[in-house]
Amino acid sequence: MKAIVVYDTKFGNTEQVAKGIAKVLNADVIKVTDVEVTKLKEYNVFVVGSPTHAWNMSAGMKQFFKKIEGQSFGEKKAAAFDTKMDSRFAGSAAKKIQSKLKKLGFNITMKPVSFFVTGREGPLADGELEKVKEFSALKVLSNSSVFGV
């Protein structure tokens, strides 16, 4: 299994989460602006995350999806996460990311995960980094021969 965590960040909170997930999955981690699209085919598992901006993913993440639009990822596994304030009015970048991943043909292996920040600029709320362990399930699925990876 070769996994990658692609993220965007503004205040560093999403980057902290991305690095934590990458550690759990033993994955490469890269900021969305540094992704080399031609190298994405090397990966079997994708985790994509963004801060939630105006009920949506960041502008940088939207640009990333425009770059990879039209490419086929042939049932590679994927999951989405976001960082946001803990409010029912916050929206979810992760849900938007998951929708984009599905349209590209990715096999979504888990529900989107949100990590909460205490204010507009953060920091992450207490205990939020512990949630990166949820992605260990993605590692188990990815290593299973049942899923052909």
N, C-alpha and C. Protein backbone atom coordinates (compact mmCIF):
# COMPACT_ATOMS: atom_id res chain seq x y z
N MET A 1 0.84 -1.18 0.00
CA MET A 1 0.00 0.00 0.00
C MET A 1 0.88 1.23 0.00
N LYS A 2 0.57 2.17 -0.88
CA LYS A 2 1.25 3.46 -0.87
C LYS A 2 0.16 4.51 -0.70
N ALA A 3 0.27 5.27 0.37
CA ALA A 3 -0.76 6.25 0.71
C ALA A 3 -0.20 7.66 0.69
N ILE A 4 -1.10 8.61 0.44
CA ILE A 4 -0.74 10.02 0.45
C ILE A 4 -1.84 10.81 1.16
N VAL A 5 -1.40 11.80 1.91
CA VAL A 5 -2.32 12.75 2.53
C VAL A 5 -2.07 14.09 1.86
N VAL A 6 -3.09 14.61 1.20
CA VAL A 6 -3.03 15.91 0.53
C VAL A 6 -3.87 16.87 1.35
N TYR A 7 -3.30 18.03 1.67
CA TYR A 7 -4.01 18.97 2.54
C TYR A 7 -3.78 20.40 2.10
N ASP A 8 -4.68 21.26 2.53
CA ASP A 8 -4.47 22.70 2.44
C ASP A 8 -4.60 23.23 3.86
N THR A 9 -4.00 24.35 4.13
CA THR A 9 -4.04 24.92 5.47
C THR A 9 -3.88 26.42 5.38
N LYS A 10 -4.44 27.12 6.33
CA LYS A 10 -4.27 28.57 6.39
C LYS A 10 -3.54 28.96 7.67
N PHE A 11 -3.95 28.38 8.78
CA PHE A 11 -3.37 28.73 10.06
C PHE A 11 -2.55 27.60 10.68
N GLY A 12 -2.40 26.48 9.95
CA GLY A 12 -1.58 25.37 10.43
C GLY A 12 -2.34 24.25 11.11
N ASN A 13 -3.62 24.43 11.39
CA ASN A 13 -4.40 23.40 12.07
C ASN A 13 -4.61 22.17 11.20
N THR A 14 -4.97 22.38 9.94
CA THR A 14 -5.20 21.26 9.02
C THR A 14 -3.89 20.54 8.74
N GLU A 15 -2.80 21.28 8.70
CA GLU A 15 -1.49 20.65 8.52
C GLU A 15 -1.15 19.72 9.69
N GLN A 16 -1.45 20.14 10.91
CA GLN A 16 -1.22 19.28 12.08
C GLN A 16 -1.98 17.98 11.94
N VAL A 17 -3.24 18.08 11.56
CA VAL A 17 -4.08 16.89 11.40
C VAL A 17 -3.52 16.01 10.28
N ALA A 18 -3.18 16.62 9.15
CA ALA A 18 -2.66 15.86 8.00
C ALA A 18 -1.41 15.08 8.39
N LYS A 19 -0.51 15.71 9.12
CA LYS A 19 0.72 15.04 9.54
C LYS A 19 0.42 13.91 10.51
N GLY A 20 -0.57 14.09 11.37
CA GLY A 20 -0.97 13.01 12.28
C GLY A 20 -1.55 11.83 11.55
N ILE A 21 -2.39 12.08 10.56
CA ILE A 21 -2.98 11.01 9.75
C ILE A 21 -1.88 10.29 8.97
N ALA A 22 -0.97 11.06 8.40
CA ALA A 22 0.14 10.46 7.63
C ALA A 22 0.96 9.53 8.51
N LYS A 23 1.15 9.91 9.75
CA LYS A 23 1.91 9.05 10.68
C LYS A 23 1.17 7.74 10.93
N VAL A 24 -0.14 7.82 11.14
CA VAL A 24 -0.95 6.62 11.37
C VAL A 24 -0.90 5.69 10.16
N LEU A 25 -0.95 6.27 8.97
CA LEU A 25 -1.00 5.47 7.74
C LEU A 25 0.37 5.17 7.16
N ASN A 26 1.41 5.72 7.75
CA ASN A 26 2.75 5.63 7.19
C ASN A 26 2.72 6.13 5.74
N ALA A 27 2.12 7.31 5.57
CA ALA A 27 1.85 7.88 4.25
C ALA A 27 2.74 9.08 3.97
N ASP A 28 2.85 9.40 2.69
CA ASP A 28 3.46 10.67 2.30
C ASP A 28 2.45 11.77 2.62
N VAL A 29 2.94 12.93 2.95
CA VAL A 29 2.06 14.07 3.24
C VAL A 29 2.57 15.26 2.44
N ILE A 30 1.62 15.93 1.77
CA ILE A 30 2.03 17.04 0.91
C ILE A 30 0.96 18.12 0.86
N LYS A 31 1.42 19.36 0.90
CA LYS A 31 0.49 20.49 0.79
C LYS A 31 -0.05 20.53 -0.64
N VAL A 32 -1.29 20.88 -0.76
CA VAL A 32 -2.00 20.83 -2.04
C VAL A 32 -1.29 21.64 -3.13
N THR A 33 -0.65 22.72 -2.77
CA THR A 33 0.03 23.55 -3.77
C THR A 33 1.32 22.91 -4.28
N ASP A 34 1.80 21.87 -3.59
CA ASP A 34 3.05 21.21 -3.98
C ASP A 34 2.84 19.86 -4.66
N VAL A 35 1.60 19.47 -4.89
CA VAL A 35 1.30 18.17 -5.49
C VAL A 35 1.72 18.15 -6.96
N GLU A 36 2.43 17.09 -7.33
CA GLU A 36 2.75 16.84 -8.74
C GLU A 36 1.72 15.84 -9.25
N VAL A 37 0.80 16.33 -10.04
CA VAL A 37 -0.34 15.54 -10.50
C VAL A 37 0.11 14.24 -11.17
N THR A 38 1.20 14.28 -11.93
CA THR A 38 1.65 13.08 -12.64
C THR A 38 2.08 11.97 -11.70
N LYS A 39 2.41 12.29 -10.48
CA LYS A 39 2.85 11.28 -9.51
C LYS A 39 1.70 10.66 -8.71
N LEU A 40 0.51 11.20 -8.83
CA LEU A 40 -0.62 10.71 -8.04
C LEU A 40 -0.99 9.27 -8.36
N LYS A 41 -0.76 8.83 -9.57
CA LYS A 41 -1.11 7.46 -9.97
C LYS A 41 -0.31 6.41 -9.20
N GLU A 42 0.79 6.82 -8.56
CA GLU A 42 1.62 5.90 -7.79
C GLU A 42 0.96 5.44 -6.48
N TYR A 43 -0.08 6.15 -6.07
CA TYR A 43 -0.69 5.90 -4.76
C TYR A 43 -1.94 5.05 -4.86
N ASN A 44 -2.15 4.22 -3.82
CA ASN A 44 -3.33 3.37 -3.73
C ASN A 44 -4.40 3.98 -2.84
N VAL A 45 -3.96 4.79 -1.87
CA VAL A 45 -4.86 5.36 -0.86
C VAL A 45 -4.63 6.86 -0.79
N PHE A 46 -5.72 7.60 -0.82
CA PHE A 46 -5.68 9.06 -0.76
C PHE A 46 -6.50 9.54 0.42
N VAL A 47 -5.93 10.44 1.21
CA VAL A 47 -6.67 11.14 2.26
C VAL A 47 -6.52 12.62 1.92
N VAL A 48 -7.64 13.31 1.81
CA VAL A 48 -7.62 14.70 1.36
C VAL A 48 -8.34 15.55 2.39
N GLY A 49 -7.69 16.67 2.79
CA GLY A 49 -8.28 17.52 3.82
C GLY A 49 -8.06 18.99 3.59
N SER A 50 -9.01 19.76 4.11
CA SER A 50 -8.99 21.22 3.94
C SER A 50 -9.67 21.87 5.13
N PRO A 51 -9.28 23.11 5.42
CA PRO A 51 -10.09 23.87 6.37
C PRO A 51 -11.43 24.19 5.70
N THR A 52 -12.44 24.38 6.50
CA THR A 52 -13.74 24.77 5.97
C THR A 52 -13.78 26.29 5.88
N HIS A 53 -13.99 26.78 4.67
CA HIS A 53 -14.10 28.23 4.41
C HIS A 53 -15.46 28.49 3.79
N ALA A 54 -16.26 29.30 4.44
CA ALA A 54 -17.58 29.67 3.90
C ALA A 54 -18.37 28.43 3.49
N TRP A 55 -18.43 27.45 4.37
CA TRP A 55 -19.20 26.22 4.18
C TRP A 55 -18.66 25.33 3.07
N ASN A 56 -17.41 25.51 2.68
CA ASN A 56 -16.86 24.78 1.56
C ASN A 56 -15.38 24.50 1.80
N MET A 57 -14.73 23.82 0.86
CA MET A 57 -13.29 23.60 0.93
C MET A 57 -12.56 24.89 0.55
N SER A 58 -11.29 24.94 0.85
CA SER A 58 -10.48 26.12 0.57
C SER A 58 -10.32 26.34 -0.94
N ALA A 59 -9.93 27.55 -1.32
CA ALA A 59 -9.69 27.87 -2.72
C ALA A 59 -8.57 27.01 -3.28
N GLY A 60 -7.53 26.77 -2.48
CA GLY A 60 -6.42 25.92 -2.93
C GLY A 60 -6.86 24.50 -3.23
N MET A 61 -7.76 23.98 -2.42
CA MET A 61 -8.27 22.63 -2.66
C MET A 61 -9.15 22.59 -3.91
N LYS A 62 -9.92 23.62 -4.13
CA LYS A 62 -10.74 23.69 -5.35
C LYS A 62 -9.83 23.68 -6.59
N GLN A 63 -8.72 24.40 -6.52
CA GLN A 63 -7.76 24.42 -7.62
C GLN A 63 -7.16 23.04 -7.86
N PHE A 64 -6.86 22.34 -6.78
CA PHE A 64 -6.33 20.98 -6.88
C PHE A 64 -7.30 20.08 -7.65
N PHE A 65 -8.57 20.14 -7.30
CA PHE A 65 -9.55 19.30 -7.98
C PHE A 65 -9.71 19.70 -9.45
N LYS A 66 -9.54 20.96 -9.77
CA LYS A 66 -9.58 21.38 -11.17
C LYS A 66 -8.41 20.77 -11.93
N LYS A 67 -7.24 20.70 -11.29
CA LYS A 67 -6.05 20.13 -11.93
C LYS A 67 -6.22 18.65 -12.26
N ILE A 68 -6.91 17.92 -11.39
CA ILE A 68 -7.02 16.47 -11.59
C ILE A 68 -8.33 16.05 -12.24
N GLU A 69 -9.17 17.03 -12.55
CA GLU A 69 -10.44 16.77 -13.21
C GLU A 69 -10.21 15.98 -14.50
N GLY A 70 -11.05 15.01 -14.75
CA GLY A 70 -10.97 14.24 -15.98
C GLY A 70 -10.02 13.06 -15.92
N GLN A 71 -9.23 12.96 -14.86
CA GLN A 71 -8.35 11.81 -14.72
C GLN A 71 -9.12 10.67 -14.07
N SER A 72 -8.68 9.45 -14.33
CA SER A 72 -9.33 8.29 -13.73
C SER A 72 -8.44 7.73 -12.64
N PHE A 73 -9.05 7.47 -11.50
CA PHE A 73 -8.29 6.91 -10.39
C PHE A 73 -8.71 5.48 -10.07
N GLY A 74 -9.48 4.87 -10.97
CA GLY A 74 -9.78 3.46 -10.98
C GLY A 74 -10.01 2.78 -9.65
N GLU A 75 -10.95 3.28 -8.89
CA GLU A 75 -11.33 2.62 -7.64
C GLU A 75 -10.25 2.65 -6.56
N LYS A 76 -9.33 3.58 -6.64
CA LYS A 76 -8.37 3.73 -5.54
C LYS A 76 -9.15 4.20 -4.31
N LYS A 77 -8.67 3.86 -3.15
CA LYS A 77 -9.37 4.18 -1.91
C LYS A 77 -9.11 5.62 -1.49
N ALA A 78 -10.12 6.23 -0.86
CA ALA A 78 -9.97 7.62 -0.44
C ALA A 78 -10.84 7.92 0.77
N ALA A 79 -10.42 8.94 1.49
CA ALA A 79 -11.17 9.46 2.63
C ALA A 79 -10.95 10.96 2.69
N ALA A 80 -11.86 11.66 3.34
CA ALA A 80 -11.79 13.12 3.43
C ALA A 80 -11.89 13.58 4.88
N PHE A 81 -11.24 14.71 5.15
CA PHE A 81 -11.34 15.32 6.47
C PHE A 81 -11.33 16.84 6.32
N ASP A 82 -11.75 17.51 7.38
CA ASP A 82 -11.67 18.97 7.40
C ASP A 82 -11.38 19.45 8.82
N THR A 83 -11.08 20.73 8.90
CA THR A 83 -11.01 21.41 10.19
C THR A 83 -12.05 22.51 10.13
N LYS A 84 -12.71 22.73 11.26
CA LYS A 84 -13.77 23.74 11.30
C LYS A 84 -14.14 24.04 12.74
N MET A 85 -14.92 25.08 12.92
CA MET A 85 -15.45 25.39 14.24
C MET A 85 -16.59 24.43 14.55
N ASP A 86 -16.79 24.15 15.80
CA ASP A 86 -17.83 23.23 16.24
C ASP A 86 -19.17 23.97 16.32
N SER A 87 -19.80 24.10 15.16
CA SER A 87 -21.07 24.81 15.06
C SER A 87 -21.89 24.17 13.96
N ARG A 88 -23.18 24.08 14.16
CA ARG A 88 -24.03 23.50 13.11
C ARG A 88 -24.10 24.39 11.89
N PHE A 89 -23.63 25.62 12.01
CA PHE A 89 -23.62 26.54 10.89
C PHE A 89 -22.28 26.57 10.14
N ALA A 90 -21.33 25.73 10.56
CA ALA A 90 -19.98 25.78 10.00
C ALA A 90 -19.87 25.19 8.60
N GLY A 91 -20.75 24.28 8.24
CA GLY A 91 -20.61 23.60 6.96
C GLY A 91 -19.56 22.51 7.06
N SER A 92 -19.19 21.93 5.92
CA SER A 92 -18.21 20.84 5.94
C SER A 92 -17.43 20.77 4.64
N ALA A 93 -16.16 21.12 4.70
CA ALA A 93 -15.28 20.94 3.55
C ALA A 93 -15.14 19.46 3.24
N ALA A 94 -15.10 18.62 4.26
CA ALA A 94 -14.89 17.19 4.06
C ALA A 94 -15.99 16.57 3.21
N LYS A 95 -17.22 16.97 3.41
CA LYS A 95 -18.32 16.43 2.60
C LYS A 95 -18.17 16.84 1.14
N LYS A 96 -17.74 18.06 0.91
CA LYS A 96 -17.52 18.54 -0.47
C LYS A 96 -16.35 17.79 -1.11
N ILE A 97 -15.29 17.59 -0.34
CA ILE A 97 -14.13 16.85 -0.83
C ILE A 97 -14.52 15.42 -1.18
N GLN A 98 -15.28 14.79 -0.30
CA GLN A 98 -15.71 13.42 -0.56
C GLN A 98 -16.53 13.34 -1.84
N SER A 99 -17.39 14.29 -2.06
CA SER A 99 -18.20 14.32 -3.28
C SER A 99 -17.31 14.42 -4.52
N LYS A 100 -16.30 15.27 -4.47
CA LYS A 100 -15.37 15.41 -5.60
C LYS A 100 -14.60 14.11 -5.82
N LEU A 101 -14.16 13.48 -4.75
CA LEU A 101 -13.42 12.22 -4.86
C LEU A 101 -14.29 11.14 -5.51
N LYS A 102 -15.56 11.06 -5.10
CA LYS A 102 -16.48 10.08 -5.70
C LYS A 102 -16.63 10.31 -7.20
N LYS A 103 -16.76 11.57 -7.60
CA LYS A 103 -16.93 11.90 -9.02
C LYS A 103 -15.70 11.50 -9.83
N LEU A 104 -14.55 11.46 -9.19
CA LEU A 104 -13.32 11.06 -9.87
C LEU A 104 -13.13 9.55 -9.88
N GLY A 105 -14.05 8.81 -9.27
CA GLY A 105 -14.00 7.36 -9.30
C GLY A 105 -13.35 6.70 -8.11
N PHE A 106 -12.98 7.48 -7.10
CA PHE A 106 -12.37 6.90 -5.91
C PHE A 106 -13.39 6.05 -5.15
N ASN A 107 -12.91 5.02 -4.48
CA ASN A 107 -13.72 4.19 -3.59
C ASN A 107 -13.62 4.81 -2.20
N ILE A 108 -14.69 5.42 -1.75
CA ILE A 108 -14.69 6.09 -0.44
C ILE A 108 -14.82 5.01 0.64
N THR A 109 -13.85 4.95 1.54
CA THR A 109 -13.79 3.86 2.50
C THR A 109 -14.27 4.22 3.90
N MET A 110 -14.51 5.50 4.16
CA MET A 110 -15.01 5.90 5.47
C MET A 110 -15.72 7.24 5.37
N LYS A 111 -16.55 7.52 6.37
CA LYS A 111 -17.27 8.79 6.41
C LYS A 111 -16.27 9.94 6.59
N PRO A 112 -16.63 11.13 6.10
CA PRO A 112 -15.76 12.28 6.30
C PRO A 112 -15.59 12.56 7.80
N VAL A 113 -14.41 13.01 8.16
CA VAL A 113 -14.11 13.28 9.57
C VAL A 113 -13.81 14.76 9.74
N SER A 114 -14.42 15.38 10.75
CA SER A 114 -14.16 16.78 11.06
C SER A 114 -13.34 16.89 12.33
N PHE A 115 -12.37 17.79 12.30
CA PHE A 115 -11.55 18.11 13.47
C PHE A 115 -11.86 19.55 13.84
N PHE A 116 -12.16 19.78 15.10
CA PHE A 116 -12.65 21.08 15.51
C PHE A 116 -11.55 21.99 16.04
N VAL A 117 -11.69 23.27 15.70
CA VAL A 117 -10.80 24.31 16.19
C VAL A 117 -11.58 25.18 17.17
N THR A 118 -10.85 25.86 18.05
CA THR A 118 -11.52 26.65 19.09
C THR A 118 -11.87 28.06 18.64
N GLY A 119 -11.30 28.51 17.57
CA GLY A 119 -11.59 29.84 17.04
C GLY A 119 -11.28 29.87 15.57
N ARG A 120 -11.55 30.97 14.92
CA ARG A 120 -11.35 31.08 13.47
C ARG A 120 -9.93 30.66 13.07
N GLU A 121 -8.95 31.04 13.86
CA GLU A 121 -7.56 30.71 13.55
C GLU A 121 -7.04 29.52 14.36
N GLY A 122 -7.90 28.90 15.13
CA GLY A 122 -7.47 27.78 15.95
C GLY A 122 -7.15 28.25 17.35
N PRO A 123 -6.52 27.43 18.10
CA PRO A 123 -5.90 26.15 17.78
C PRO A 123 -6.93 25.02 17.72
N LEU A 124 -6.43 23.81 17.45
CA LEU A 124 -7.30 22.64 17.51
C LEU A 124 -7.84 22.50 18.92
N ALA A 125 -9.08 22.06 19.03
CA ALA A 125 -9.69 21.84 20.34
C ALA A 125 -8.99 20.67 21.03
N ASP A 126 -9.06 20.65 22.34
CA ASP A 126 -8.45 19.57 23.12
C ASP A 126 -8.95 18.22 22.64
N GLY A 127 -8.04 17.29 22.47
CA GLY A 127 -8.38 15.91 22.12
C GLY A 127 -8.62 15.67 20.64
N GLU A 128 -8.60 16.70 19.82
CA GLU A 128 -8.92 16.50 18.40
C GLU A 128 -7.87 15.67 17.67
N LEU A 129 -6.60 15.83 18.02
CA LEU A 129 -5.58 15.05 17.34
C LEU A 129 -5.69 13.56 17.64
N GLU A 130 -6.36 13.21 18.72
CA GLU A 130 -6.59 11.80 19.03
C GLU A 130 -7.48 11.14 17.98
N LYS A 131 -8.30 11.94 17.30
CA LYS A 131 -9.21 11.38 16.30
C LYS A 131 -8.48 10.88 15.06
N VAL A 132 -7.20 11.22 14.89
CA VAL A 132 -6.49 10.72 13.71
C VAL A 132 -6.41 9.21 13.73
N LYS A 133 -6.56 8.61 14.89
CA LYS A 133 -6.52 7.15 15.00
C LYS A 133 -7.67 6.50 14.23
N GLU A 134 -8.74 7.26 13.97
CA GLU A 134 -9.85 6.73 13.17
C GLU A 134 -9.36 6.28 11.80
N PHE A 135 -8.31 6.89 11.32
CA PHE A 135 -7.80 6.56 9.99
C PHE A 135 -7.02 5.24 9.99
N SER A 136 -6.79 4.68 11.17
CA SER A 136 -6.14 3.36 11.21
C SER A 136 -7.04 2.31 10.56
N ALA A 137 -8.35 2.52 10.58
CA ALA A 137 -9.28 1.61 9.91
C ALA A 137 -9.04 1.63 8.40
N LEU A 138 -8.71 2.78 7.87
CA LEU A 138 -8.40 2.89 6.45
C LEU A 138 -7.16 2.09 6.11
N LYS A 139 -6.20 2.09 7.02
CA LYS A 139 -4.97 1.32 6.81
C LYS A 139 -5.28 -0.17 6.78
N VAL A 140 -6.13 -0.62 7.68
CA VAL A 140 -6.49 -2.04 7.73
C VAL A 140 -7.20 -2.43 6.44
N LEU A 141 -8.15 -1.64 6.00
CA LEU A 141 -8.86 -1.93 4.76
C LEU A 141 -7.92 -1.95 3.57
N SER A 142 -6.99 -1.03 3.55
CA SER A 142 -6.08 -0.91 2.42
C SER A 142 -5.11 -2.08 2.33
N ASN A 143 -4.79 -2.67 3.45
CA ASN A 143 -3.84 -3.79 3.47
C ASN A 143 -4.54 -5.12 3.22
N SER A 144 -5.85 -5.11 3.18
CA SER A 144 -6.59 -6.36 3.04
C SER A 144 -6.60 -6.83 1.58
N SER A 145 -6.31 -8.09 1.37
CA SER A 145 -6.33 -8.65 0.02
C SER A 145 -7.75 -8.69 -0.54
N VAL A 146 -8.75 -8.64 0.34
CA VAL A 146 -10.14 -8.62 -0.11
C VAL A 146 -10.39 -7.42 -0.98
N PHE A 147 -9.69 -6.32 -0.71
CA PHE A 147 -9.90 -5.08 -1.45
C PHE A 147 -8.93 -4.95 -2.62
N GLY A 148 -8.10 -5.94 -2.84
CA GLY A 148 -7.25 -5.97 -4.02
C GLY A 148 -6.10 -5.00 -4.03
N VAL A 149 -5.69 -4.50 -2.90
CA VAL A 149 -4.56 -3.55 -2.87
C VAL A 149 -3.31 -4.28 -2.45
